[in-house]
N, C-alpha and C. Protein backbone atom coordinates (compact mmCIF):
# COMPACT_ATOMS: atom_id res chain seq x y z
N MET A 1 41.45 -10.03 -87.56
CA MET A 1 40.96 -10.11 -88.92
C MET A 1 40.33 -8.76 -89.30
N ASP A 2 40.69 -8.25 -90.45
CA ASP A 2 40.14 -6.98 -90.91
C ASP A 2 38.69 -7.15 -91.33
N THR A 3 37.90 -6.10 -91.09
CA THR A 3 36.51 -6.07 -91.54
C THR A 3 36.41 -5.18 -92.76
N ILE A 4 35.73 -5.68 -93.78
CA ILE A 4 35.48 -4.91 -94.98
C ILE A 4 33.98 -4.60 -95.02
N ASP A 5 33.65 -3.31 -95.06
CA ASP A 5 32.26 -2.87 -95.13
C ASP A 5 31.91 -2.60 -96.59
N VAL A 6 30.87 -3.28 -97.06
CA VAL A 6 30.44 -3.09 -98.44
C VAL A 6 28.94 -2.84 -98.49
N ALA A 7 28.52 -2.24 -99.59
CA ALA A 7 27.11 -2.05 -99.89
C ALA A 7 26.82 -2.84 -101.16
N ALA A 8 25.71 -3.56 -101.18
CA ALA A 8 25.37 -4.40 -102.32
C ALA A 8 23.99 -4.05 -102.85
N ALA A 9 23.87 -4.05 -104.17
CA ALA A 9 22.61 -3.73 -104.83
C ALA A 9 21.87 -4.99 -105.21
N ILE A 10 20.65 -5.10 -104.71
CA ILE A 10 19.74 -6.17 -105.12
C ILE A 10 18.86 -5.55 -106.19
N ILE A 11 19.18 -5.84 -107.44
CA ILE A 11 18.46 -5.26 -108.57
C ILE A 11 17.57 -6.33 -109.16
N ILE A 12 16.27 -6.10 -109.06
CA ILE A 12 15.29 -7.08 -109.53
C ILE A 12 14.41 -6.43 -110.59
N ARG A 13 14.23 -7.16 -111.68
CA ARG A 13 13.35 -6.71 -112.77
C ARG A 13 12.57 -7.93 -113.26
N ASN A 14 11.27 -7.80 -113.27
CA ASN A 14 10.40 -8.90 -113.74
C ASN A 14 10.70 -10.21 -113.00
N LYS A 15 10.83 -10.11 -111.67
CA LYS A 15 11.09 -11.28 -110.80
C LYS A 15 12.43 -11.97 -111.10
N LYS A 16 13.35 -11.24 -111.72
CA LYS A 16 14.70 -11.76 -111.97
C LYS A 16 15.72 -10.83 -111.32
N LEU A 17 16.76 -11.45 -110.79
CA LEU A 17 17.82 -10.76 -110.06
C LEU A 17 19.04 -10.57 -110.96
N LEU A 18 19.64 -9.38 -110.90
CA LEU A 18 20.87 -9.14 -111.64
C LEU A 18 22.05 -9.70 -110.84
N ALA A 19 22.73 -10.67 -111.42
CA ALA A 19 23.91 -11.29 -110.81
C ALA A 19 25.13 -10.88 -111.61
N ALA A 20 26.24 -10.61 -110.92
CA ALA A 20 27.47 -10.17 -111.57
C ALA A 20 28.60 -11.14 -111.25
N GLN A 21 29.36 -11.51 -112.27
CA GLN A 21 30.48 -12.43 -112.09
C GLN A 21 31.77 -11.65 -111.89
N ARG A 22 32.44 -11.93 -110.78
CA ARG A 22 33.70 -11.23 -110.47
C ARG A 22 34.74 -11.52 -111.55
N GLY A 23 35.44 -10.47 -111.94
CA GLY A 23 36.44 -10.62 -112.99
C GLY A 23 37.87 -10.57 -112.49
N TYR A 24 38.06 -10.50 -111.17
CA TYR A 24 39.41 -10.32 -110.63
C TYR A 24 39.49 -10.85 -109.20
N GLY A 25 40.69 -10.96 -108.69
CA GLY A 25 40.93 -11.29 -107.28
C GLY A 25 40.79 -12.76 -106.94
N ASP A 26 40.84 -13.02 -105.63
CA ASP A 26 40.78 -14.39 -105.13
C ASP A 26 39.49 -15.11 -105.53
N TYR A 27 38.43 -14.36 -105.74
CA TYR A 27 37.13 -14.96 -106.03
C TYR A 27 36.69 -14.70 -107.47
N ALA A 28 37.63 -14.51 -108.38
CA ALA A 28 37.32 -14.32 -109.80
C ALA A 28 36.51 -15.53 -110.28
N GLY A 29 35.46 -15.25 -111.04
CA GLY A 29 34.61 -16.32 -111.56
C GLY A 29 33.39 -16.59 -110.71
N TRP A 30 33.41 -16.18 -109.45
CA TRP A 30 32.26 -16.36 -108.57
C TRP A 30 31.24 -15.26 -108.86
N TRP A 31 30.00 -15.47 -108.46
CA TRP A 31 28.92 -14.53 -108.71
C TRP A 31 28.54 -13.81 -107.44
N GLU A 32 28.07 -12.55 -107.61
CA GLU A 32 27.76 -11.70 -106.47
C GLU A 32 26.72 -10.65 -106.85
N PHE A 33 26.23 -9.96 -105.82
CA PHE A 33 25.45 -8.76 -106.05
C PHE A 33 26.43 -7.66 -106.41
N PRO A 34 26.11 -6.81 -107.39
CA PRO A 34 27.02 -5.71 -107.67
C PRO A 34 27.06 -4.72 -106.50
N GLY A 35 28.16 -4.02 -106.39
CA GLY A 35 28.35 -3.06 -105.29
C GLY A 35 29.81 -3.01 -104.93
N GLY A 36 30.09 -2.53 -103.73
CA GLY A 36 31.49 -2.48 -103.34
C GLY A 36 31.71 -1.80 -102.02
N LYS A 37 32.97 -1.54 -101.74
CA LYS A 37 33.38 -0.98 -100.45
C LYS A 37 32.85 0.44 -100.26
N THR A 38 32.47 0.73 -99.02
CA THR A 38 32.10 2.10 -98.69
C THR A 38 33.38 2.86 -98.31
N GLU A 39 33.47 4.08 -98.78
CA GLU A 39 34.60 4.95 -98.48
C GLU A 39 34.37 5.59 -97.11
N PRO A 40 35.44 6.07 -96.45
CA PRO A 40 35.26 6.78 -95.17
C PRO A 40 34.28 7.95 -95.34
N ASN A 41 33.39 8.08 -94.38
CA ASN A 41 32.38 9.15 -94.36
C ASN A 41 31.37 9.07 -95.51
N GLU A 42 31.23 7.91 -96.15
CA GLU A 42 30.28 7.72 -97.23
C GLU A 42 29.15 6.83 -96.74
N THR A 43 27.92 7.19 -97.03
CA THR A 43 26.80 6.34 -96.65
C THR A 43 26.77 5.12 -97.58
N PRO A 44 26.19 4.01 -97.12
CA PRO A 44 26.08 2.85 -98.01
C PRO A 44 25.28 3.17 -99.28
N GLU A 45 24.27 4.01 -99.14
CA GLU A 45 23.46 4.37 -100.30
C GLU A 45 24.30 5.13 -101.34
N ALA A 46 25.10 6.08 -100.87
CA ALA A 46 25.98 6.83 -101.78
C ALA A 46 27.03 5.91 -102.40
N ALA A 47 27.53 4.98 -101.62
CA ALA A 47 28.52 4.02 -102.14
C ALA A 47 27.92 3.19 -103.27
N LEU A 48 26.67 2.78 -103.11
CA LEU A 48 26.02 1.98 -104.16
C LEU A 48 25.89 2.76 -105.46
N VAL A 49 25.43 3.99 -105.37
CA VAL A 49 25.29 4.80 -106.58
C VAL A 49 26.64 4.95 -107.26
N ARG A 50 27.69 5.23 -106.48
CA ARG A 50 29.04 5.38 -107.02
C ARG A 50 29.56 4.08 -107.61
N GLU A 51 29.44 2.98 -106.86
CA GLU A 51 29.97 1.69 -107.31
C GLU A 51 29.28 1.17 -108.57
N ILE A 52 27.98 1.32 -108.67
CA ILE A 52 27.27 0.85 -109.86
C ILE A 52 27.69 1.69 -111.07
N ARG A 53 27.88 2.97 -110.87
CA ARG A 53 28.37 3.82 -111.95
C ARG A 53 29.78 3.38 -112.38
N GLU A 54 30.65 3.09 -111.39
CA GLU A 54 32.03 2.69 -111.69
C GLU A 54 32.10 1.28 -112.30
N GLU A 55 31.34 0.34 -111.77
CA GLU A 55 31.45 -1.06 -112.20
C GLU A 55 30.67 -1.37 -113.46
N LEU A 56 29.47 -0.78 -113.59
CA LEU A 56 28.57 -1.13 -114.69
C LEU A 56 28.26 0.03 -115.63
N ASP A 57 28.82 1.20 -115.34
CA ASP A 57 28.52 2.41 -116.12
C ASP A 57 26.99 2.58 -116.24
N ALA A 58 26.33 2.41 -115.11
CA ALA A 58 24.87 2.48 -115.06
C ALA A 58 24.45 3.30 -113.85
N SER A 59 23.18 3.69 -113.84
CA SER A 59 22.62 4.44 -112.72
C SER A 59 21.59 3.60 -111.99
N VAL A 60 21.58 3.75 -110.66
CA VAL A 60 20.56 3.08 -109.85
C VAL A 60 19.94 4.08 -108.90
N SER A 61 18.70 3.78 -108.53
CA SER A 61 18.11 4.47 -107.38
C SER A 61 18.06 3.45 -106.26
N VAL A 62 18.40 3.88 -105.06
CA VAL A 62 18.38 3.00 -103.90
C VAL A 62 17.00 3.15 -103.27
N ASP A 63 16.23 2.06 -103.32
CA ASP A 63 14.83 2.11 -102.90
C ASP A 63 14.62 1.82 -101.42
N SER A 64 15.21 0.73 -100.92
CA SER A 64 15.01 0.39 -99.51
C SER A 64 16.08 -0.58 -99.02
N TYR A 65 16.33 -0.50 -97.72
CA TYR A 65 17.26 -1.41 -97.06
C TYR A 65 16.62 -2.79 -96.98
N PHE A 66 17.39 -3.84 -97.30
CA PHE A 66 16.87 -5.21 -97.25
C PHE A 66 17.43 -6.00 -96.08
N GLY A 67 18.71 -5.86 -95.81
CA GLY A 67 19.32 -6.61 -94.71
C GLY A 67 20.83 -6.57 -94.77
N THR A 68 21.43 -6.98 -93.68
CA THR A 68 22.89 -7.04 -93.58
C THR A 68 23.31 -8.46 -93.29
N THR A 69 24.36 -8.88 -93.92
CA THR A 69 24.93 -10.19 -93.62
C THR A 69 26.38 -10.00 -93.17
N GLU A 70 26.77 -10.77 -92.20
CA GLU A 70 28.15 -10.79 -91.69
C GLU A 70 28.72 -12.15 -92.03
N TYR A 71 29.91 -12.17 -92.63
CA TYR A 71 30.48 -13.45 -93.03
C TYR A 71 31.99 -13.42 -92.89
N ASP A 72 32.55 -14.50 -92.33
CA ASP A 72 34.00 -14.63 -92.19
C ASP A 72 34.57 -15.43 -93.35
N TYR A 73 35.29 -14.74 -94.22
CA TYR A 73 36.07 -15.40 -95.26
C TYR A 73 37.44 -15.71 -94.64
N PRO A 74 38.26 -16.53 -95.29
CA PRO A 74 39.56 -16.89 -94.69
C PRO A 74 40.46 -15.69 -94.37
N LYS A 75 40.42 -14.65 -95.19
CA LYS A 75 41.36 -13.53 -95.01
C LYS A 75 40.72 -12.26 -94.44
N PHE A 76 39.39 -12.21 -94.31
CA PHE A 76 38.73 -10.99 -93.85
C PHE A 76 37.31 -11.29 -93.38
N HIS A 77 36.76 -10.37 -92.62
CA HIS A 77 35.35 -10.42 -92.22
C HIS A 77 34.59 -9.45 -93.11
N LEU A 78 33.50 -9.90 -93.70
CA LEU A 78 32.69 -9.06 -94.58
C LEU A 78 31.42 -8.64 -93.86
N SER A 79 31.16 -7.34 -93.86
CA SER A 79 29.89 -6.80 -93.39
C SER A 79 29.22 -6.19 -94.62
N MET A 80 28.14 -6.84 -95.08
CA MET A 80 27.51 -6.43 -96.34
C MET A 80 26.08 -5.96 -96.11
N ARG A 81 25.88 -4.65 -96.32
CA ARG A 81 24.55 -4.04 -96.23
C ARG A 81 23.92 -4.11 -97.61
N CYS A 82 22.72 -4.69 -97.70
CA CYS A 82 22.07 -4.92 -98.98
C CYS A 82 20.82 -4.06 -99.12
N TYR A 83 20.65 -3.51 -100.32
CA TYR A 83 19.54 -2.62 -100.61
C TYR A 83 18.84 -3.04 -101.89
N LEU A 84 17.51 -2.97 -101.88
CA LEU A 84 16.74 -3.14 -103.10
C LEU A 84 16.93 -1.87 -103.92
N CYS A 85 17.30 -2.04 -105.18
CA CYS A 85 17.60 -0.91 -106.05
C CYS A 85 16.88 -1.07 -107.39
N THR A 86 16.69 0.05 -108.07
CA THR A 86 16.12 0.05 -109.41
C THR A 86 17.17 0.55 -110.38
N LEU A 87 17.38 -0.23 -111.43
CA LEU A 87 18.33 0.13 -112.46
C LEU A 87 17.65 1.07 -113.45
N ALA A 88 18.30 2.19 -113.75
CA ALA A 88 17.76 3.15 -114.71
C ALA A 88 18.21 2.72 -116.10
N GLY A 89 17.29 2.24 -116.89
CA GLY A 89 17.60 1.82 -118.25
C GLY A 89 18.16 0.42 -118.32
N ASP A 90 18.53 0.01 -119.53
CA ASP A 90 19.02 -1.34 -119.78
C ASP A 90 20.51 -1.40 -120.09
N ALA A 91 21.09 -0.27 -120.46
CA ALA A 91 22.49 -0.27 -120.90
C ALA A 91 23.45 -0.44 -119.74
N MET A 92 24.43 -1.32 -119.93
CA MET A 92 25.50 -1.54 -118.96
C MET A 92 26.79 -1.77 -119.72
N THR A 93 27.88 -1.31 -119.15
CA THR A 93 29.21 -1.60 -119.67
C THR A 93 29.99 -2.23 -118.52
N LEU A 94 30.41 -3.46 -118.70
CA LEU A 94 31.11 -4.17 -117.64
C LEU A 94 32.54 -3.66 -117.55
N ARG A 95 32.87 -3.06 -116.40
CA ARG A 95 34.21 -2.52 -116.20
C ARG A 95 35.04 -3.36 -115.24
N GLU A 96 34.39 -4.11 -114.36
CA GLU A 96 35.11 -4.94 -113.40
C GLU A 96 34.63 -6.39 -113.40
N HIS A 97 33.42 -6.61 -113.86
CA HIS A 97 32.86 -7.96 -113.89
C HIS A 97 33.08 -8.57 -115.27
N SER A 98 33.15 -9.91 -115.30
CA SER A 98 33.34 -10.58 -116.59
C SER A 98 32.01 -10.90 -117.26
N ALA A 99 30.91 -10.90 -116.49
CA ALA A 99 29.59 -11.18 -117.06
C ALA A 99 28.51 -10.75 -116.07
N VAL A 100 27.31 -10.55 -116.58
CA VAL A 100 26.12 -10.37 -115.76
C VAL A 100 25.02 -11.26 -116.33
N LYS A 101 24.09 -11.65 -115.46
CA LYS A 101 22.94 -12.47 -115.87
C LYS A 101 21.74 -12.04 -115.06
N TRP A 102 20.56 -12.18 -115.67
CA TRP A 102 19.30 -12.02 -114.94
C TRP A 102 18.84 -13.42 -114.59
N LEU A 103 18.70 -13.71 -113.28
CA LEU A 103 18.35 -15.05 -112.81
C LEU A 103 17.05 -15.00 -112.02
N GLY A 104 16.19 -15.97 -112.27
CA GLY A 104 14.95 -16.10 -111.52
C GLY A 104 15.05 -17.19 -110.47
N ALA A 105 13.97 -17.40 -109.75
CA ALA A 105 13.96 -18.39 -108.67
C ALA A 105 14.31 -19.78 -109.18
N ASP A 106 13.94 -20.08 -110.42
CA ASP A 106 14.17 -21.42 -110.96
C ASP A 106 15.63 -21.68 -111.36
N ASP A 107 16.40 -20.63 -111.61
CA ASP A 107 17.79 -20.84 -112.01
C ASP A 107 18.79 -20.03 -111.17
N ILE A 108 18.36 -19.56 -110.03
CA ILE A 108 19.20 -18.70 -109.20
C ILE A 108 20.49 -19.40 -108.75
N TYR A 109 20.42 -20.71 -108.57
CA TYR A 109 21.61 -21.45 -108.12
C TYR A 109 22.35 -22.12 -109.28
N SER A 110 22.13 -21.64 -110.50
CA SER A 110 22.84 -22.19 -111.65
C SER A 110 24.25 -21.62 -111.76
N VAL A 111 24.57 -20.63 -110.92
CA VAL A 111 25.91 -20.04 -110.88
C VAL A 111 26.49 -20.23 -109.48
N LYS A 112 27.79 -20.06 -109.37
CA LYS A 112 28.49 -20.25 -108.09
C LYS A 112 28.56 -18.92 -107.35
N TRP A 113 27.65 -18.73 -106.37
CA TRP A 113 27.55 -17.50 -105.60
C TRP A 113 28.59 -17.46 -104.48
N LEU A 114 29.06 -16.26 -104.17
CA LEU A 114 29.88 -16.08 -102.98
C LEU A 114 29.05 -16.42 -101.75
N ASP A 115 29.68 -16.98 -100.74
CA ASP A 115 28.96 -17.49 -99.57
C ASP A 115 28.12 -16.42 -98.87
N ALA A 116 28.64 -15.22 -98.71
CA ALA A 116 27.88 -14.17 -98.03
C ALA A 116 26.62 -13.82 -98.80
N ASP A 117 26.67 -13.88 -100.12
CA ASP A 117 25.52 -13.55 -100.94
C ASP A 117 24.41 -14.60 -100.84
N VAL A 118 24.80 -15.85 -100.60
CA VAL A 118 23.81 -16.93 -100.48
C VAL A 118 22.84 -16.65 -99.33
N VAL A 119 23.34 -16.09 -98.25
CA VAL A 119 22.48 -15.77 -97.10
C VAL A 119 21.35 -14.82 -97.54
N ILE A 120 21.69 -13.82 -98.33
CA ILE A 120 20.69 -12.86 -98.82
C ILE A 120 19.78 -13.52 -99.85
N LEU A 121 20.34 -14.35 -100.72
CA LEU A 121 19.51 -15.07 -101.70
C LEU A 121 18.42 -15.88 -101.02
N GLU A 122 18.80 -16.59 -99.95
CA GLU A 122 17.83 -17.42 -99.23
C GLU A 122 16.72 -16.56 -98.64
N LYS A 123 17.07 -15.39 -98.14
CA LYS A 123 16.07 -14.47 -97.59
C LYS A 123 15.15 -13.93 -98.70
N LEU A 124 15.72 -13.60 -99.85
CA LEU A 124 14.91 -13.14 -100.98
C LEU A 124 13.91 -14.21 -101.41
N LEU A 125 14.37 -15.45 -101.49
CA LEU A 125 13.49 -16.55 -101.88
C LEU A 125 12.42 -16.81 -100.83
N ALA A 126 12.81 -16.80 -99.55
CA ALA A 126 11.85 -17.06 -98.47
C ALA A 126 10.75 -16.01 -98.41
N GLN A 127 11.10 -14.77 -98.77
CA GLN A 127 10.12 -13.69 -98.73
C GLN A 127 9.36 -13.53 -100.04
N GLY A 128 9.65 -14.41 -101.02
CA GLY A 128 8.94 -14.35 -102.29
C GLY A 128 9.30 -13.18 -103.18
N VAL A 129 10.44 -12.57 -102.92
CA VAL A 129 10.88 -11.43 -103.73
C VAL A 129 11.24 -11.89 -105.14
N LEU A 130 11.78 -13.11 -105.25
CA LEU A 130 12.10 -13.70 -106.55
C LEU A 130 11.06 -14.74 -106.92
């Protein structure tokens, strides 16, 4: 099984998390942390800055490492390094996602999250980040 290495941005503002709805692929319609695959010889932090610019036409600063989750999907193994990030400004243009939402602890599970992301959500809630 192939392993896909990705970097994911945990963007929190006013105790709400930015969730992005996939607009393509096998998991279109599911919700996830924004981010994406790391390129060869690219750090996860650099990948996040690049991916957020490409996906949301926005800028982020990568503040700190939060955790890694490993998850086996039917067709691939996902290794997802997650970072707490700060979004610069409010403007976003969705280039790959069909929607974004700011979700708090009370409505975080109102959308259908990808399984690997749920592991990180549970950690965020347990630590009181949301």
